[in-house]
C-alpha atoms as a PDB file:
ATOM      1  CA  MET A   1     129.972 109.463  84.042  1.00  0.00           C
ATOM      2  CA  SER A   2     128.856 109.102  80.409  1.00  0.00           C
ATOM      3  CA  SER A   3     125.359 110.211  79.455  1.00  0.00           C
ATOM      4  CA  LEU A   4     122.567 107.803  80.343  1.00  0.00           C
ATOM      5  CA  PRO A   5     120.663 105.695  77.794  1.00  0.00           C
ATOM      6  CA  ASP A   6     117.269 107.072  76.808  1.00  0.00           C
ATOM      7  CA  LEU A   7     114.191 105.254  78.109  1.00  0.00           C
ATOM      8  CA  ASP A   8     112.700 104.638  74.649  1.00  0.00           C
ATOM      9  CA  SER A   9     115.774 102.638  73.634  1.00  0.00           C
ATOM     10  CA  LEU A  10     115.691 100.655  76.885  1.00  0.00           C
ATOM     11  CA  LYS A  11     111.975  99.930  76.379  1.00  0.00           C
ATOM     12  CA  LEU A  12     112.696  98.799  72.822  1.00  0.00           C
ATOM     13  CA  LEU A  13     115.366  96.408  74.105  1.00  0.00           C
ATOM     14  CA  VAL A  14     112.966  94.998  76.711  1.00  0.00           C
ATOM     15  CA  ASP A  15     110.325  94.456  74.019  1.00  0.00           C
ATOM     16  CA  VAL A  16     112.804  92.611  71.797  1.00  0.00           C
ATOM     17  CA  GLY A  17     113.370  90.198  74.661  1.00  0.00           C
ATOM     18  CA  GLU A  18     109.686  89.792  75.454  1.00  0.00           C
ATOM     19  CA  LEU A  19     108.408  89.593  71.860  1.00  0.00           C
ATOM     20  CA  GLY A  20     111.280  87.587  70.437  1.00  0.00           C
ATOM     21  CA  SER A  21     112.392  89.814  67.568  1.00  0.00           C
ATOM     22  CA  LEU A  22     113.380  93.346  66.691  1.00  0.00           C
ATOM     23  CA  GLY A  23     110.660  93.519  64.023  1.00  0.00           C
ATOM     24  CA  ARG A  24     107.854  92.834  66.515  1.00  0.00           C
ATOM     25  CA  ALA A  25     109.352  95.294  69.007  1.00  0.00           C
ATOM     26  CA  ALA A  26     109.561  97.978  66.317  1.00  0.00           C
ATOM     27  CA  LYS A  27     105.892  97.433  65.450  1.00  0.00           C
ATOM     28  CA  VAL A  28     104.844  97.872  69.093  1.00  0.00           C
ATOM     29  CA  ALA A  29     106.943 101.048  69.306  1.00  0.00           C
ATOM     30  CA  GLY A  30     105.331 102.387  66.116  1.00  0.00           C
ATOM     31  CA  ILE A  31     108.602 102.839  64.249  1.00  0.00           C
ATOM     32  CA  ALA A  32     110.195 101.244  61.189  1.00  0.00           C
ATOM     33  CA  GLN A  33     112.547  98.329  61.760  1.00  0.00           C
ATOM     34  CA  PRO A  34     115.607 100.211  60.373  1.00  0.00           C
ATOM     35  CA  SER A  35     114.929 102.992  62.904  1.00  0.00           C
ATOM     36  CA  ALA A  36     114.644 100.442  65.690  1.00  0.00           C
ATOM     37  CA  SER A  37     117.910  98.819  64.608  1.00  0.00           C
ATOM     38  CA  LYS A  38     119.611 102.216  64.645  1.00  0.00           C
ATOM     39  CA  ARG A  39     118.377 102.889  68.205  1.00  0.00           C
ATOM     40  CA  ILE A  40     119.727  99.573  69.447  1.00  0.00           C
ATOM     41  CA  ALA A  41     123.047 100.205  67.668  1.00  0.00           C
ATOM     42  CA  GLN A  42     123.330 103.542  69.486  1.00  0.00           C
ATOM     43  CA  LEU A  43     122.559 101.788  72.763  1.00  0.00           C
ATOM     44  CA  GLU A  44     125.244  99.193  72.028  1.00  0.00           C
ATOM     45  CA  ARG A  45     127.804 101.945  71.477  1.00  0.00           C
ATOM     46  CA  ARG A  46     126.721 103.706  74.664  1.00  0.00           C
ATOM     47  CA  LEU A  47     127.095 100.543  76.750  1.00  0.00           C
ATOM     48  CA  GLY A  48     130.039  99.041  74.867  1.00  0.00           C
ATOM     49  CA  LEU A  49     128.186  95.733  74.538  1.00  0.00           C
ATOM     50  CA  SER A  50     126.768  93.642  71.703  1.00  0.00           C
ATOM     51  CA  LEU A  51     123.043  93.386  72.426  1.00  0.00           C
ATOM     52  CA  LEU A  52     121.570  92.017  69.195  1.00  0.00           C
ATOM     53  CA  GLU A  53     122.442  88.996  67.087  1.00  0.00           C
ATOM     54  CA  ARG A  54     121.618  90.103  63.537  1.00  0.00           C
ATOM     55  CA  THR A  55     120.925  87.345  61.016  1.00  0.00           C
ATOM     56  CA  PRO A  56     119.065  87.133  57.676  1.00  0.00           C
ATOM     57  CA  ARG A  57     116.173  85.537  59.605  1.00  0.00           C
ATOM     58  CA  GLY A  58     115.886  88.468  62.003  1.00  0.00           C
ATOM     59  CA  SER A  59     117.482  90.021  65.061  1.00  0.00           C
ATOM     60  CA  THR A  60     117.302  88.568  68.554  1.00  0.00           C
ATOM     61  CA  LEU A  61     119.083  89.282  71.833  1.00  0.00           C
ATOM     62  CA  THR A  62     122.584  88.047  72.518  1.00  0.00           C
ATOM     63  CA  ASN A  63     123.347  86.594  75.945  1.00  0.00           C
ATOM     64  CA  GLU A  64     124.652  90.009  76.995  1.00  0.00           C
ATOM     65  CA  GLY A  65     121.512  91.565  75.537  1.00  0.00           C
ATOM     66  CA  LYS A  66     119.312  89.284  77.643  1.00  0.00           C
ATOM     67  CA  VAL A  67     121.120  90.333  80.808  1.00  0.00           C
ATOM     68  CA  VAL A  68     120.908  94.039  79.950  1.00  0.00           C
ATOM     69  CA  ALA A  69     117.240  93.681  78.973  1.00  0.00           C
ATOM     70  CA  GLY A  70     116.522  92.262  82.423  1.00  0.00           C
ATOM     71  CA  TRP A  71     118.169  95.257  84.051  1.00  0.00           C
ATOM     72  CA  ALA A  72     116.443  97.618  81.642  1.00  0.00           C
ATOM     73  CA  ALA A  73     113.039  96.177  82.561  1.00  0.00           C
ATOM     74  CA  HIS A  74     113.533  97.395  86.144  1.00  0.00           C
ATOM     75  CA  VAL A  75     114.524 100.875  84.923  1.00  0.00           C
ATOM     76  CA  VAL A  76     111.509 101.110  82.604  1.00  0.00           C
ATOM     77  CA  ALA A  77     109.125  99.902  85.307  1.00  0.00           C
ATOM     78  CA  ALA A  78     110.536 102.455  87.766  1.00  0.00           C
ATOM     79  CA  ALA A  79     110.121 105.230  85.199  1.00  0.00           C
ATOM     80  CA  GLN A  80     106.519 104.202  84.606  1.00  0.00           C
ATOM     81  CA  GLU A  81     105.870 104.269  88.362  1.00  0.00           C
ATOM     82  CA  LEU A  82     107.429 107.728  88.542  1.00  0.00           C
ATOM     83  CA  MET A  83     105.124 109.028  85.814  1.00  0.00           C
ATOM     84  CA  ARG A  84     102.032 107.570  87.481  1.00  0.00           C
ATOM     85  CA  ALA A  85     102.959 109.096  90.833  1.00  0.00           C
ATOM     86  CA  ALA A  86     103.764 112.464  89.258  1.00  0.00           C
ATOM     87  CA  GLU A  87     100.411 112.443  87.485  1.00  0.00           C
ATOM     88  CA  ALA A  88      98.668 111.727  90.788  1.00  0.00           C
ATOM     89  CA  VAL A  89     100.352 114.742  92.386  1.00  0.00           C
ATOM     90  CA  ARG A  90      99.619 116.969  89.361  1.00  0.00           C
ATOM     91  CA  HIS A  91      95.916 116.068  89.109  1.00  0.00           C
ATOM     92  CA  GLY A  92      95.111 116.098  92.810  1.00  0.00           C
ATOM     93  CA  GLY A  93      92.305 118.646  92.609  1.00  0.00           C
ATOM     94  CA  ALA A  94      90.311 116.778  89.948  1.00  0.00           C
ATOM     95  CA  ALA A  95      90.877 113.290  91.328  1.00  0.00           C
ATOM     96  CA  HIS A  96      88.250 110.629  91.964  1.00  0.00           C
ATOM     97  CA  LEU A  97      90.318 109.400  94.918  1.00  0.00           C
ATOM     98  CA  ARG A  98      92.329 111.727  97.135  1.00  0.00           C
ATOM     99  CA  VAL A  99      95.234 110.179  99.043  1.00  0.00           C
ATOM    100  CA  ALA A 100      97.919 111.618 101.323  1.00  0.00           C
ATOM    101  CA  ALA A 101     101.178 109.826 102.099  1.00  0.00           C
ATOM    102  CA  SER A 102     104.204 110.493 104.235  1.00  0.00           C
ATOM    103  CA  MET A 103     107.359 111.149 102.282  1.00  0.00           C
ATOM    104  CA  THR A 104     109.044 107.778 102.762  1.00  0.00           C
ATOM    105  CA  VAL A 105     105.908 105.831 101.832  1.00  0.00           C
ATOM    106  CA  ALA A 106     105.229 108.145  98.892  1.00  0.00           C
ATOM    107  CA  GLU A 107     108.756 107.819  97.532  1.00  0.00           C
ATOM    108  CA  TYR A 108     109.248 104.076  97.830  1.00  0.00           C
ATOM    109  CA  LEU A 109     105.865 102.305  97.982  1.00  0.00           C
ATOM    110  CA  VAL A 110     102.991 104.416  96.656  1.00  0.00           C
ATOM    111  CA  PRO A 111     104.098 104.405  92.971  1.00  0.00           C
ATOM    112  CA  ARG A 112     103.864 100.604  92.830  1.00  0.00           C
ATOM    113  CA  TRP A 113     100.496 100.621  94.582  1.00  0.00           C
ATOM    114  CA  LEU A 114      99.123 103.212  92.171  1.00  0.00           C
ATOM    115  CA  GLY A 115     100.342 101.135  89.236  1.00  0.00           C
ATOM    116  CA  GLU A 116      98.401  98.115  90.495  1.00  0.00           C
ATOM    117  CA  LEU A 117      95.321 100.271  91.127  1.00  0.00           C
ATOM    118  CA  GLN A 118      95.517 101.610  87.572  1.00  0.00           C
ATOM    119  CA  ASN A 119      95.704  98.061  86.222  1.00  0.00           C
ATOM    120  CA  ARG A 120      92.573  97.113  88.146  1.00  0.00           C
ATOM    121  CA  GLU A 121      90.611 100.349  87.678  1.00  0.00           C
ATOM    122  CA  PRO A 122      92.101 102.211  84.684  1.00  0.00           C
ATOM    123  CA  ASP A 123      89.474 104.978  84.709  1.00  0.00           C
ATOM    124  CA  VAL A 124      90.181 106.075  88.282  1.00  0.00           C
ATOM    125  CA  GLN A 125      92.230 109.248  88.647  1.00  0.00           C
ATOM    126  CA  VAL A 126      94.142 109.524  91.921  1.00  0.00           C
ATOM    127  CA  GLY A 127      95.299 112.729  93.579  1.00  0.00           C
ATOM    128  CA  LEU A 128      98.307 112.368  95.874  1.00  0.00           C
ATOM    129  CA  ASP A 129      99.440 114.807  98.571  1.00  0.00           C
ATOM    130  CA  VAL A 130     103.000 114.177  99.792  1.00  0.00           C
ATOM    131  CA  VAL A 131     103.490 115.577 103.310  1.00  0.00           C
ATOM    132  CA  ASN A 132     104.878 114.382 106.633  1.00  0.00           C
ATOM    133  CA  SER A 133     102.973 111.918 108.830  1.00  0.00           C
ATOM    134  CA  ALA A 134     101.466 114.577 111.109  1.00  0.00           C
ATOM    135  CA  ASP A 135     100.047 116.460 108.116  1.00  0.00           C
ATOM    136  CA  VAL A 136      98.679 113.225 106.625  1.00  0.00           C
ATOM    137  CA  ALA A 137      96.695 112.632 109.823  1.00  0.00           C
ATOM    138  CA  THR A 138      95.412 116.218 109.788  1.00  0.00           C
ATOM    139  CA  ARG A 139      94.176 115.914 106.202  1.00  0.00           C
ATOM    140  CA  VAL A 140      92.457 112.600 106.824  1.00  0.00           C
ATOM    141  CA  LEU A 141      90.702 113.939 109.939  1.00  0.00           C
ATOM    142  CA  ALA A 142      89.607 117.041 108.022  1.00  0.00           C
ATOM    143  CA  GLU A 143      88.250 114.763 105.244  1.00  0.00           C
ATOM    144  CA  GLU A 144      90.466 116.466 102.691  1.00  0.00           C
ATOM    145  CA  VAL A 145      91.585 112.964 101.644  1.00  0.00           C
ATOM    146  CA  GLU A 146      89.881 109.588 101.962  1.00  0.00           C
ATOM    147  CA  LEU A 147      92.950 107.521 102.748  1.00  0.00           C
ATOM    148  CA  GLY A 148      96.366 108.268 104.191  1.00  0.00           C
ATOM    149  CA  PHE A 149      99.640 106.437 104.695  1.00  0.00           C
ATOM    150  CA  VAL A 150     101.859 107.239 107.678  1.00  0.00           C
ATOM    151  CA  GLU A 151     104.961 105.979 109.440  1.00  0.00           C
ATOM    152  CA  GLY A 152     105.674 106.124 113.149  1.00  0.00           C
ATOM    153  CA  PRO A 153     104.919 104.511 116.487  1.00  0.00           C
ATOM    154  CA  TYR A 154     101.426 105.920 117.103  1.00  0.00           C
ATOM    155  CA  VAL A 155      98.090 106.297 115.350  1.00  0.00           C
ATOM    156  CA  PRO A 156      96.523 109.713 116.030  1.00  0.00           C
ATOM    157  CA  GLU A 157      93.188 109.846 117.857  1.00  0.00           C
ATOM    158  CA  GLY A 158      90.163 109.572 115.613  1.00  0.00           C
ATOM    159  CA  LEU A 159      91.785 107.398 112.958  1.00  0.00           C
ATOM    160  CA  ALA A 160      91.335 103.743 112.108  1.00  0.00           C
ATOM    161  CA  SER A 161      94.432 102.031 110.758  1.00  0.00           C
ATOM    162  CA  ARG A 162      95.920  98.939 109.196  1.00  0.00           C
ATOM    163  CA  VAL A 163      99.588  97.981 109.106  1.00  0.00           C
ATOM    164  CA  VAL A 164     100.755  97.729 105.482  1.00  0.00           C
ATOM    165  CA  GLY A 165     104.474  97.176 106.081  1.00  0.00           C
ATOM    166  CA  THR A 166     107.492  97.869 108.236  1.00  0.00           C
ATOM    167  CA  ASP A 167     110.600  99.967 107.821  1.00  0.00           C
ATOM    168  CA  ARG A 168     113.923  99.823 109.648  1.00  0.00           C
ATOM    169  CA  LEU A 169     115.688 103.054 110.483  1.00  0.00           C
ATOM    170  CA  VAL A 170     119.452 102.888 110.027  1.00  0.00           C
ATOM    171  CA  VAL A 171     122.409 104.925 111.224  1.00  0.00           C
ATOM    172  CA  VAL A 172     124.534 106.055 108.283  1.00  0.00           C
ATOM    173  CA  VAL A 173     127.738 108.056 107.909  1.00  0.00           C
ATOM    174  CA  ALA A 174     130.026 109.204 105.122  1.00  0.00           C
ATOM    175  CA  PRO A 175     132.739 106.672 104.149  1.00  0.00           C
ATOM    176  CA  GLY A 176     135.508 108.601 105.927  1.00  0.00           C
ATOM    177  CA  HIS A 177     133.679 109.035 109.241  1.00  0.00           C
ATOM    178  CA  PRO A 178     135.434 107.634 112.373  1.00  0.00           C
ATOM    179  CA  TRP A 179     132.432 105.418 113.141  1.00  0.00           C
ATOM    180  CA  THR A 180     133.217 103.312 110.060  1.00  0.00           C
ATOM    181  CA  ARG A 181     136.316 102.057 111.901  1.00  0.00           C
ATOM    182  CA  ARG A 182     134.474 100.963 115.042  1.00  0.00           C
ATOM    183  CA  ARG A 183     135.033  97.406 116.235  1.00  0.00           C
ATOM    184  CA  THR A 184     131.913  97.345 118.401  1.00  0.00           C
ATOM    185  CA  ALA A 185     128.308  98.275 117.692  1.00  0.00           C
ATOM    186  CA  LEU A 186     127.138 101.759 118.551  1.00  0.00           C
ATOM    187  CA  ARG A 187     125.286 102.025 121.873  1.00  0.00           C
ATOM    188  CA  GLY A 188     121.971 103.800 122.068  1.00  0.00           C
ATOM    189  CA  ALA A 189     123.203 106.332 124.631  1.00  0.00           C
ATOM    190  CA  GLU A 190     126.105 107.284 122.373  1.00  0.00           C
ATOM    191  CA  LEU A 191     123.837 107.781 119.394  1.00  0.00           C
ATOM    192  CA  ALA A 192     121.308 109.767 121.432  1.00  0.00           C
ATOM    193  CA  GLY A 193     124.099 112.001 122.710  1.00  0.00           C
ATOM    194  CA  THR A 194     125.371 112.780 119.204  1.00  0.00           C
ATOM    195  CA  ALA A 195     124.238 115.792 117.188  1.00  0.00           C
ATOM    196  CA  LEU A 196     122.623 114.088 114.196  1.00  0.00           C
ATOM    197  CA  VAL A 197     121.168 114.923 110.828  1.00  0.00           C
ATOM    198  CA  VAL A 198     117.479 114.075 111.202  1.00  0.00           C
ATOM    199  CA  ARG A 199     114.087 114.664 109.654  1.00  0.00           C
ATOM    200  CA  GLU A 200     111.868 117.486 110.841  1.00  0.00           C
ATOM    201  CA  PRO A 201     109.430 117.274 113.804  1.00  0.00           C
ATOM    202  CA  GLY A 202     106.146 115.757 112.627  1.00  0.00           C
ATOM    203  CA  SER A 203     107.801 113.180 110.400  1.00  0.00           C
ATOM    204  CA  GLY A 204     107.379 109.508 111.249  1.00  0.00           C
ATOM    205  CA  THR A 205     111.149 109.015 111.152  1.00  0.00           C
ATOM    206  CA  ARG A 206     111.721 111.707 113.754  1.00  0.00           C
ATOM    207  CA  GLU A 207     108.880 110.499 115.967  1.00  0.00           C
ATOM    208  CA  THR A 208     110.198 106.921 115.924  1.00  0.00           C
ATOM    209  CA  LEU A 209     113.678 108.098 116.890  1.00  0.00           C
ATOM    210  CA  ASP A 210     112.400 110.364 119.680  1.00  0.00           C
ATOM    211  CA  VAL A 211     110.279 107.573 121.169  1.00  0.00           C
ATOM    212  CA  ALA A 212     113.144 105.061 121.030  1.00  0.00           C
ATOM    213  CA  PHE A 213     115.485 107.419 122.922  1.00  0.00           C
ATOM    214  CA  ARG A 214     112.995 109.178 125.201  1.00  0.00           C
ATOM    215  CA  ASP A 215     114.661 107.761 128.338  1.00  0.00           C
ATOM    216  CA  LEU A 216     118.146 108.849 127.228  1.00  0.00           C
ATOM    217  CA  ARG A 217     119.827 112.230 127.261  1.00  0.00           C
ATOM    218  CA  GLN A 218     119.465 113.491 123.689  1.00  0.00           C
ATOM    219  CA  ALA A 219     121.687 116.056 122.003  1.00  0.00           C
ATOM    220  CA  SER A 220     120.112 118.751 119.869  1.00  0.00           C
ATOM    221  CA  PRO A 221     120.132 117.844 116.160  1.00  0.00           C
ATOM    222  CA  ARG A 222     122.945 119.118 113.988  1.00  0.00           C
ATOM    223  CA  LEU A 223     120.466 119.590 111.145  1.00  0.00           C
ATOM    224  CA  GLU A 224     116.691 119.133 110.812  1.00  0.00           C
ATOM    225  CA  LEU A 225     115.750 118.598 107.168  1.00  0.00           C
ATOM    226  CA  GLY A 226     112.460 118.149 105.371  1.00  0.00           C
ATOM    227  CA  SER A 227     113.201 115.260 103.006  1.00  0.00           C
ATOM    228  CA  ASN A 228     115.090 111.986 102.826  1.00  0.00           C
ATOM    229  CA  SER A 229     117.158 113.320  99.929  1.00  0.00           C
ATOM    230  CA  ALA A 230     118.324 116.281 101.991  1.00  0.00           C
ATOM    231  CA  VAL A 231     119.241 114.045 104.938  1.00  0.00           C
ATOM    232  CA  LYS A 232     121.210 111.706 102.654  1.00  0.00           C
ATOM    233  CA  GLY A 233     123.011 114.592 101.003  1.00  0.00           C
ATOM    234  CA  ALA A 234     124.059 116.099 104.330  1.00  0.00           C
ATOM    235  CA  ALA A 235     125.312 112.757 105.619  1.00  0.00           C
ATOM    236  CA  GLN A 236     127.277 112.093 102.419  1.00  0.00           C
ATOM    237  CA  ALA A 237     128.847 115.549 102.703  1.00  0.00           C
ATOM    238  CA  GLY A 238     130.088 114.659 106.193  1.00  0.00           C
ATOM    239  CA  ALA A 239     127.867 117.075 108.136  1.00  0.00           C
ATOM    240  CA  ALA A 240     127.111 114.463 110.818  1.00  0.00           C
ATOM    241  CA  PRO A 241     125.771 110.921 111.192  1.00  0.00           C
ATOM    242  CA  ALA A 242     122.152 110.527 110.115  1.00  0.00           C
ATOM    243  CA  VAL A 243     119.246 108.299 111.069  1.00  0.00           C
ATOM    244  CA  ILE A 244     117.063 107.559 108.069  1.00  0.00           C
ATOM    245  CA  SER A 245     114.713 105.019 106.514  1.00  0.00           C
ATOM    246  CA  GLY A 246     116.385 101.886 105.238  1.00  0.00           C
ATOM    247  CA  TYR A 247     114.321 102.201 102.049  1.00  0.00           C
ATOM    248  CA  ALA A 248     115.858 105.604 101.388  1.00  0.00           C
ATOM    249  CA  VAL A 249     119.509 104.521 101.457  1.00  0.00           C
ATOM    250  CA  GLU A 250     119.490 101.126  99.724  1.00  0.00           C
ATOM    251  CA  ALA A 251     121.335 102.468  96.672  1.00  0.00           C
ATOM    252  CA  GLU A 252     123.821 104.533  98.690  1.00  0.00           C
ATOM    253  CA  LEU A 253     124.721 101.588 100.928  1.00  0.00           C
ATOM    254  CA  ALA A 254     125.074  99.266  97.939  1.00  0.00           C
ATOM    255  CA  THR A 255     127.471 101.641  96.174  1.00  0.00           C
ATOM    256  CA  GLY A 256     129.437 102.697  99.272  1.00  0.00           C
ATOM    257  CA  ARG A 257     128.376 106.335  99.175  1.00  0.00           C
ATOM    258  CA  LEU A 258     127.108 105.850 102.730  1.00  0.00           C
ATOM    259  CA  VAL A 259     128.090 103.301 105.371  1.00  0.00           C
ATOM    260  CA  GLU A 260     125.686 101.772 107.897  1.00  0.00           C
ATOM    261  CA  VAL A 261     126.832 101.761 111.520  1.00  0.00           C
ATOM    262  CA  PRO A 262     125.431  98.808 113.539  1.00  0.00           C
ATOM    263  CA  LEU A 263     123.373  99.819 116.572  1.00  0.00           C
ATOM    264  CA  ALA A 264     123.258  97.659 119.706  1.00  0.00           C
ATOM    265  CA  GLY A 265     120.381  97.508 122.165  1.00  0.00           C
ATOM    266  CA  HIS A 266     117.810  99.346 120.066  1.00  0.00           C
ATOM    267  CA  THR A 267     115.777  98.084 117.140  1.00  0.00           C
ATOM    268  CA  LEU A 268     114.567 101.098 115.208  1.00  0.00           C
ATOM    269  CA  VAL A 269     111.727  99.378 113.382  1.00  0.00           C
ATOM    270  CA  ARG A 270     108.476 101.196 112.709  1.00  0.00           C
ATOM    271  CA  SER A 271     105.137 100.229 111.255  1.00  0.00           C
ATOM    272  CA  LEU A 272     103.856 101.744 108.028  1.00  0.00           C
ATOM    273  CA  ARG A 273     100.095 102.211 108.269  1.00  0.00           C
ATOM    274  CA  ALA A 274      97.114 103.091 106.161  1.00  0.00           C
ATOM    275  CA  VAL A 275      94.787 105.446 108.049  1.00  0.00           C
ATOM    276  CA  TRP A 276      91.236 106.680 107.517  1.00  0.00           C
ATOM    277  CA  ARG A 277      88.578 108.368 109.644  1.00  0.00           C
ATOM    278  CA  ARG A 278      87.322 106.104 112.419  1.00  0.00           C
ATOM    279  CA  GLY A 279      83.744 105.041 111.799  1.00  0.00           C
ATOM    280  CA  ARG A 280      84.039 105.432 108.050  1.00  0.00           C
ATOM    281  CA  THR A 281      83.831 102.402 105.774  1.00  0.00           C
ATOM    282  CA  LEU A 282      86.122 102.615 102.780  1.00  0.00           C
ATOM    283  CA  THR A 283      84.483 101.742  99.473  1.00  0.00           C
ATOM    284  CA  GLY A 284      85.326 101.850  95.786  1.00  0.00           C
ATOM    285  CA  PRO A 285      88.883 102.817  94.744  1.00  0.00           C
ATOM    286  CA  ALA A 286      89.902 103.645  98.336  1.00  0.00           C
ATOM    287  CA  ALA A 287      89.037 100.121  99.452  1.00  0.00           C
ATOM    288  CA  THR A 288      90.847  98.658  96.442  1.00  0.00           C
ATOM    289  CA  LEU A 289      93.983 100.699  97.157  1.00  0.00           C
ATOM    290  CA  LEU A 290      93.913  99.604 100.809  1.00  0.00           C
ATOM    291  CA  THR A 291      93.716  95.966  99.703  1.00  0.00           C
ATOM    292  CA  ILE A 292      96.663  96.436  97.337  1.00  0.00           C
ATOM    293  CA  ALA A 293      98.785  98.157  99.990  1.00  0.00           C
ATOM    294  CA  SER A 294      97.964  95.482 102.582  1.00  0.00           C
ATOM    295  CA  ARG A 295      99.257  92.589 100.498  1.00  0.00           C
ATOM    296  CA  PRO A 296     102.559  91.068 101.701  1.00  0.00           C
END
């Protein structure tokens, strides 16, 4: 794979599309127009596409440039979410609002929520602890954080909660696995009896799976791993089938790096919940973040 485009060039391309000219985009970026033109030319060579239509009246996006700018906008937005979430983790101790989130929620939902909170309350600094669902509950009960986000079938005693979304667990295997050639859906008993790659005890993913198959004979896991990335990597390497959040494998399924195996008779859907100490009324930034997370 060739080296990836740099984010500054992608942001410049997005601004050309939004502002209507390379000159305006260069001004926003704080660089001279010849420097901006050079950056876009380098991006064109990297992608092998003509992105700008250069005329004596100025430079605007070509049709190909408009398409690429649309894609680039998603990349830039994701990078901005990453930086906000990383800042929340880094500044946890000095935060105005302390939050804990399970790994799946933290990876795929919290960055967007924090971006919206920052837009509404730009002076609020958020500290984020990323742990499994059991540890989130422990920290909320101990009042180490004001608000938590968990996944799983149950709400621990002593916590109030609100459903903020749902997540479907999926069975995935490497492309060459025999299950990819099945003509019928996988039965629950067969999945339960298979040594799987799974998340660690205490995670919402593991709890959901254990509850779904509690009446079936379950094989011991092949591997118990502490992150979605580790589970995906093991499954892609062919270690064993894995059960994992659908959020976590969207890209791998789309590109064929993993294959979903249909499951019959069991719907592995779990609720994603915000939790806080029962009897406590959330106010200020915590209440705002709960409102943001609760929106459809």
